Amino acid sequence: MLAFKIENGKVAEVAEFDGQCEPWLYRSCQEIQSWTAVERIAEQATALGGRRYVATENSNRWPRFDVVEAPAIGDAVSYSFNGDTTPDGKVTKVSKSLRVVRTDTGSTYYRRGKTGTWLKTGGRALVRGHRTERNPHV
């Protein structure tokens, strides 16, 4: 989960919340109560440079609003389904709207509504990094 250092009403820093962030300096998306607020945080975080961040809405989950790091060209990715994760090359194309992500293996992922989830046919979800993991199927 991402946390945002807010100074003078603007995002000054983005950090991965790992329990080490000083809570009075950082704000997590668990505290955000509106779509406009989460969009503003995503825009300000993107303006810091480096990565692109996107506002998300999960109407059936908590936190309802969140900000995620968008896939970028050159990112190593994998796909995951039912606890099994398999490498799927590197991102070669991301549409301007962030709706479609393509990899060098020929896979195409589509963003699911306003969520932070990109899926390909068969329900396989895009995940960051090259990972090979298997569900133990006990």
C-alpha atoms as a PDB file:
ATOM      1  CA  MET A   1       0.000   0.000   0.000  1.00  0.00           C
ATOM      2  CA  LEU A   2       1.235   3.486  -0.790  1.00  0.00           C
ATOM      3  CA  ALA A   3       1.491   6.333   1.694  1.00  0.00           C
ATOM      4  CA  PHE A   4       1.791  10.026   0.831  1.00  0.00           C
ATOM      5  CA  LYS A   5       3.702  12.713   2.686  1.00  0.00           C
ATOM      6  CA  ILE A   6       1.486  15.794   2.572  1.00  0.00           C
ATOM      7  CA  GLU A   7       3.081  19.218   3.102  1.00  0.00           C
ATOM      8  CA  ASN A   8       1.101  22.446   2.765  1.00  0.00           C
ATOM      9  CA  GLY A   9      -1.823  20.521   1.282  1.00  0.00           C
ATOM     10  CA  LYS A  10       0.255  18.915  -1.511  1.00  0.00           C
ATOM     11  CA  VAL A  11       1.931  15.540  -1.994  1.00  0.00           C
ATOM     12  CA  ALA A  12       5.643  15.956  -1.284  1.00  0.00           C
ATOM     13  CA  GLU A  13       6.696  12.299  -1.294  1.00  0.00           C
ATOM     14  CA  VAL A  14       5.366   8.842  -2.100  1.00  0.00           C
ATOM     15  CA  ALA A  15       6.441   5.878   0.024  1.00  0.00           C
ATOM     16  CA  GLU A  16       5.578   2.205   0.192  1.00  0.00           C
ATOM     17  CA  PHE A  17       3.808   1.822   3.549  1.00  0.00           C
ATOM     18  CA  ASP A  18       5.783  -0.819   5.403  1.00  0.00           C
ATOM     19  CA  GLY A  19       4.942   0.100   8.977  1.00  0.00           C
ATOM     20  CA  GLN A  20       8.077   2.254   9.208  1.00  0.00           C
ATOM     21  CA  CYS A  21       6.512   5.500   7.966  1.00  0.00           C
ATOM     22  CA  GLU A  22       5.837   7.968  10.733  1.00  0.00           C
ATOM     23  CA  PRO A  23       2.009   8.031  10.685  1.00  0.00           C
ATOM     24  CA  TRP A  24       1.658  11.724  11.507  1.00  0.00           C
ATOM     25  CA  LEU A  25       3.689  12.624   8.401  1.00  0.00           C
ATOM     26  CA  TYR A  26       2.060  10.237   5.912  1.00  0.00           C
ATOM     27  CA  ARG A  27      -1.489   9.732   4.794  1.00  0.00           C
ATOM     28  CA  SER A  28      -2.743   6.387   3.530  1.00  0.00           C
ATOM     29  CA  CYS A  29      -5.659   5.926   1.166  1.00  0.00           C
ATOM     30  CA  GLN A  30      -7.627   4.341   4.001  1.00  0.00           C
ATOM     31  CA  GLU A  31      -8.332   7.896   5.160  1.00  0.00           C
ATOM     32  CA  ILE A  32      -9.531   9.232   1.789  1.00  0.00           C
ATOM     33  CA  GLN A  33     -13.279   9.571   1.549  1.00  0.00           C
ATOM     34  CA  SER A  34     -13.909  10.986  -1.949  1.00  0.00           C
ATOM     35  CA  TRP A  35     -13.068  10.369  -5.590  1.00  0.00           C
ATOM     36  CA  THR A  36     -11.913  13.977  -6.098  1.00  0.00           C
ATOM     37  CA  ALA A  37      -9.468  13.718  -3.206  1.00  0.00           C
ATOM     38  CA  VAL A  38      -7.922  10.479  -4.474  1.00  0.00           C
ATOM     39  CA  GLU A  39      -7.664  11.892  -8.026  1.00  0.00           C
ATOM     40  CA  ARG A  40      -5.891  14.986  -6.683  1.00  0.00           C
ATOM     41  CA  ILE A  41      -3.394  12.850  -4.747  1.00  0.00           C
ATOM     42  CA  ALA A  42      -2.691  10.693  -7.840  1.00  0.00           C
ATOM     43  CA  GLU A  43      -2.118  13.791 -10.004  1.00  0.00           C
ATOM     44  CA  GLN A  44       0.188  15.405  -7.454  1.00  0.00           C
ATOM     45  CA  ALA A  45       2.159  12.168  -6.953  1.00  0.00           C
ATOM     46  CA  THR A  46       2.589  11.824 -10.736  1.00  0.00           C
ATOM     47  CA  ALA A  47       3.753  15.457 -10.949  1.00  0.00           C
ATOM     48  CA  LEU A  48       6.669  14.587  -8.635  1.00  0.00           C
ATOM     49  CA  GLY A  49       8.150  12.753 -11.626  1.00  0.00           C
ATOM     50  CA  GLY A  50       9.458   9.269 -12.165  1.00  0.00           C
ATOM     51  CA  ARG A  51       6.296   7.159 -12.114  1.00  0.00           C
ATOM     52  CA  ARG A  52       2.643   7.580 -13.054  1.00  0.00           C
ATOM     53  CA  TYR A  53       0.020   7.041 -10.382  1.00  0.00           C
ATOM     54  CA  VAL A  54      -3.661   6.415 -10.959  1.00  0.00           C
ATOM     55  CA  ALA A  55      -6.702   6.857  -8.737  1.00  0.00           C
ATOM     56  CA  THR A  56      -8.785   3.717  -8.215  1.00  0.00           C
ATOM     57  CA  GLU A  57     -12.226   2.929  -6.854  1.00  0.00           C
ATOM     58  CA  ASN A  58     -13.219  -0.449  -5.431  1.00  0.00           C
ATOM     59  CA  SER A  59     -16.914  -0.190  -4.641  1.00  0.00           C
ATOM     60  CA  ASN A  60     -17.049  -3.635  -3.007  1.00  0.00           C
ATOM     61  CA  ARG A  61     -13.858  -3.456  -0.915  1.00  0.00           C
ATOM     62  CA  TRP A  62     -12.202  -1.339   1.718  1.00  0.00           C
ATOM     63  CA  PRO A  63     -10.490   1.004   1.299  1.00  0.00           C
ATOM     64  CA  ARG A  64     -12.929   2.146  -1.339  1.00  0.00           C
ATOM     65  CA  PHE A  65     -10.500   4.673  -2.847  1.00  0.00           C
ATOM     66  CA  ASP A  66      -6.820   4.052  -3.464  1.00  0.00           C
ATOM     67  CA  VAL A  67      -3.858   5.165  -5.544  1.00  0.00           C
ATOM     68  CA  VAL A  68      -1.707   2.618  -7.382  1.00  0.00           C
ATOM     69  CA  GLU A  69       1.418   2.848  -9.471  1.00  0.00           C
ATOM     70  CA  ALA A  70       0.458   2.384 -13.125  1.00  0.00           C
ATOM     71  CA  PRO A  71       2.310  -0.117 -15.317  1.00  0.00           C
ATOM     72  CA  ALA A  72       5.053   1.538 -17.397  1.00  0.00           C
ATOM     73  CA  ILE A  73       6.967   0.564 -20.529  1.00  0.00           C
ATOM     74  CA  GLY A  74       9.896  -1.664 -19.594  1.00  0.00           C
ATOM     75  CA  ASP A  75       8.359  -2.993 -16.360  1.00  0.00           C
ATOM     76  CA  ALA A  76       8.891  -6.718 -15.797  1.00  0.00           C
ATOM     77  CA  VAL A  77       5.487  -8.343 -15.222  1.00  0.00           C
ATOM     78  CA  SER A  78       3.869 -11.688 -14.512  1.00  0.00           C
ATOM     79  CA  TYR A  79       0.318 -12.977 -14.600  1.00  0.00           C
ATOM     80  CA  SER A  80      -1.430 -14.578 -11.664  1.00  0.00           C
ATOM     81  CA  PHE A  81      -4.446 -16.860 -11.360  1.00  0.00           C
ATOM     82  CA  ASN A  82      -5.658 -18.908  -8.391  1.00  0.00           C
ATOM     83  CA  GLY A  83      -2.383 -18.563  -6.492  1.00  0.00           C
ATOM     84  CA  ASP A  84      -0.138 -19.476  -9.435  1.00  0.00           C
ATOM     85  CA  THR A  85       2.105 -16.738 -10.860  1.00  0.00           C
ATOM     86  CA  THR A  86       4.087 -16.980 -14.103  1.00  0.00           C
ATOM     87  CA  PRO A  87       6.470 -14.433 -15.737  1.00  0.00           C
ATOM     88  CA  ASP A  88       4.990 -12.677 -18.784  1.00  0.00           C
ATOM     89  CA  GLY A  89       7.832 -10.571 -20.196  1.00  0.00           C
ATOM     90  CA  LYS A  90       8.083  -6.795 -20.127  1.00  0.00           C
ATOM     91  CA  VAL A  91       5.534  -4.081 -20.834  1.00  0.00           C
ATOM     92  CA  THR A  92       5.945  -2.751 -24.382  1.00  0.00           C
ATOM     93  CA  LYS A  93       2.858  -0.538 -24.686  1.00  0.00           C
ATOM     94  CA  VAL A  94       0.499   1.267 -22.340  1.00  0.00           C
ATOM     95  CA  SER A  95      -2.476   3.119 -23.797  1.00  0.00           C
ATOM     96  CA  LYS A  96      -2.814   6.815 -23.005  1.00  0.00           C
ATOM     97  CA  SER A  97      -5.958   6.085 -20.972  1.00  0.00           C
ATOM     98  CA  LEU A  98      -4.156   3.243 -19.096  1.00  0.00           C
ATOM     99  CA  ARG A  99      -6.978   0.968 -20.229  1.00  0.00           C
ATOM    100  CA  VAL A 100      -4.755  -1.438 -22.231  1.00  0.00           C
ATOM    101  CA  VAL A 101      -1.320  -2.858 -21.390  1.00  0.00           C
ATOM    102  CA  ARG A 102       0.658  -5.063 -23.822  1.00  0.00           C
ATOM    103  CA  THR A 103       3.756  -7.177 -23.173  1.00  0.00           C
ATOM    104  CA  ASP A 104       6.589  -8.409 -25.398  1.00  0.00           C
ATOM    105  CA  THR A 105       5.150 -11.944 -25.178  1.00  0.00           C
ATOM    106  CA  GLY A 106       2.004 -10.791 -26.995  1.00  0.00           C
ATOM    107  CA  SER A 107      -0.280 -10.682 -23.946  1.00  0.00           C
ATOM    108  CA  THR A 108      -2.873  -7.934 -23.680  1.00  0.00           C
ATOM    109  CA  TYR A 109      -4.333  -6.830 -20.329  1.00  0.00           C
ATOM    110  CA  TYR A 110      -7.389  -4.621 -19.883  1.00  0.00           C
ATOM    111  CA  ARG A 111      -8.044  -2.405 -16.882  1.00  0.00           C
ATOM    112  CA  ARG A 112     -11.189  -3.416 -15.030  1.00  0.00           C
ATOM    113  CA  GLY A 113     -13.284  -0.251 -14.657  1.00  0.00           C
ATOM    114  CA  LYS A 114     -11.724   2.260 -12.269  1.00  0.00           C
ATOM    115  CA  THR A 115      -9.934  -0.419 -10.264  1.00  0.00           C
ATOM    116  CA  GLY A 116      -6.189  -0.972 -10.044  1.00  0.00           C
ATOM    117  CA  THR A 117      -6.542  -4.393 -11.707  1.00  0.00           C
ATOM    118  CA  TRP A 118      -5.539  -5.279 -15.268  1.00  0.00           C
ATOM    119  CA  LEU A 119      -6.853  -8.639 -16.546  1.00  0.00           C
ATOM    120  CA  LYS A 120      -6.307 -10.735 -19.646  1.00  0.00           C
ATOM    121  CA  THR A 121      -8.615 -13.376 -21.111  1.00  0.00           C
ATOM    122  CA  GLY A 122      -9.255 -16.157 -18.637  1.00  0.00           C
ATOM    123  CA  GLY A 123      -9.127 -13.865 -15.602  1.00  0.00           C
ATOM    124  CA  ARG A 124      -5.349 -13.769 -15.291  1.00  0.00           C
ATOM    125  CA  ALA A 125      -4.237 -10.634 -13.443  1.00  0.00           C
ATOM    126  CA  LEU A 126      -1.187  -8.525 -14.210  1.00  0.00           C
ATOM    127  CA  VAL A 127       1.309  -8.349 -11.315  1.00  0.00           C
ATOM    128  CA  ARG A 128       4.557  -6.401 -11.001  1.00  0.00           C
ATOM    129  CA  GLY A 129       7.890  -8.217 -11.370  1.00  0.00           C
ATOM    130  CA  HIS A 130       8.955 -11.580 -12.738  1.00  0.00           C
ATOM    131  CA  ARG A 131       7.720 -14.177 -10.281  1.00  0.00           C
ATOM    132  CA  THR A 132       7.271 -17.922 -10.455  1.00  0.00           C
ATOM    133  CA  GLU A 133       5.070 -19.073  -7.597  1.00  0.00           C
ATOM    134  CA  ARG A 134       2.730 -22.010  -7.242  1.00  0.00           C
ATOM    135  CA  ASN A 135      -0.241 -22.493  -4.965  1.00  0.00           C
ATOM    136  CA  PRO A 136       0.612 -25.539  -2.812  1.00  0.00           C
ATOM    137  CA  HIS A 137      -2.827 -27.146  -3.519  1.00  0.00           C
ATOM    138  CA  VAL A 138      -2.879 -28.910  -0.193  1.00  0.00           C
END
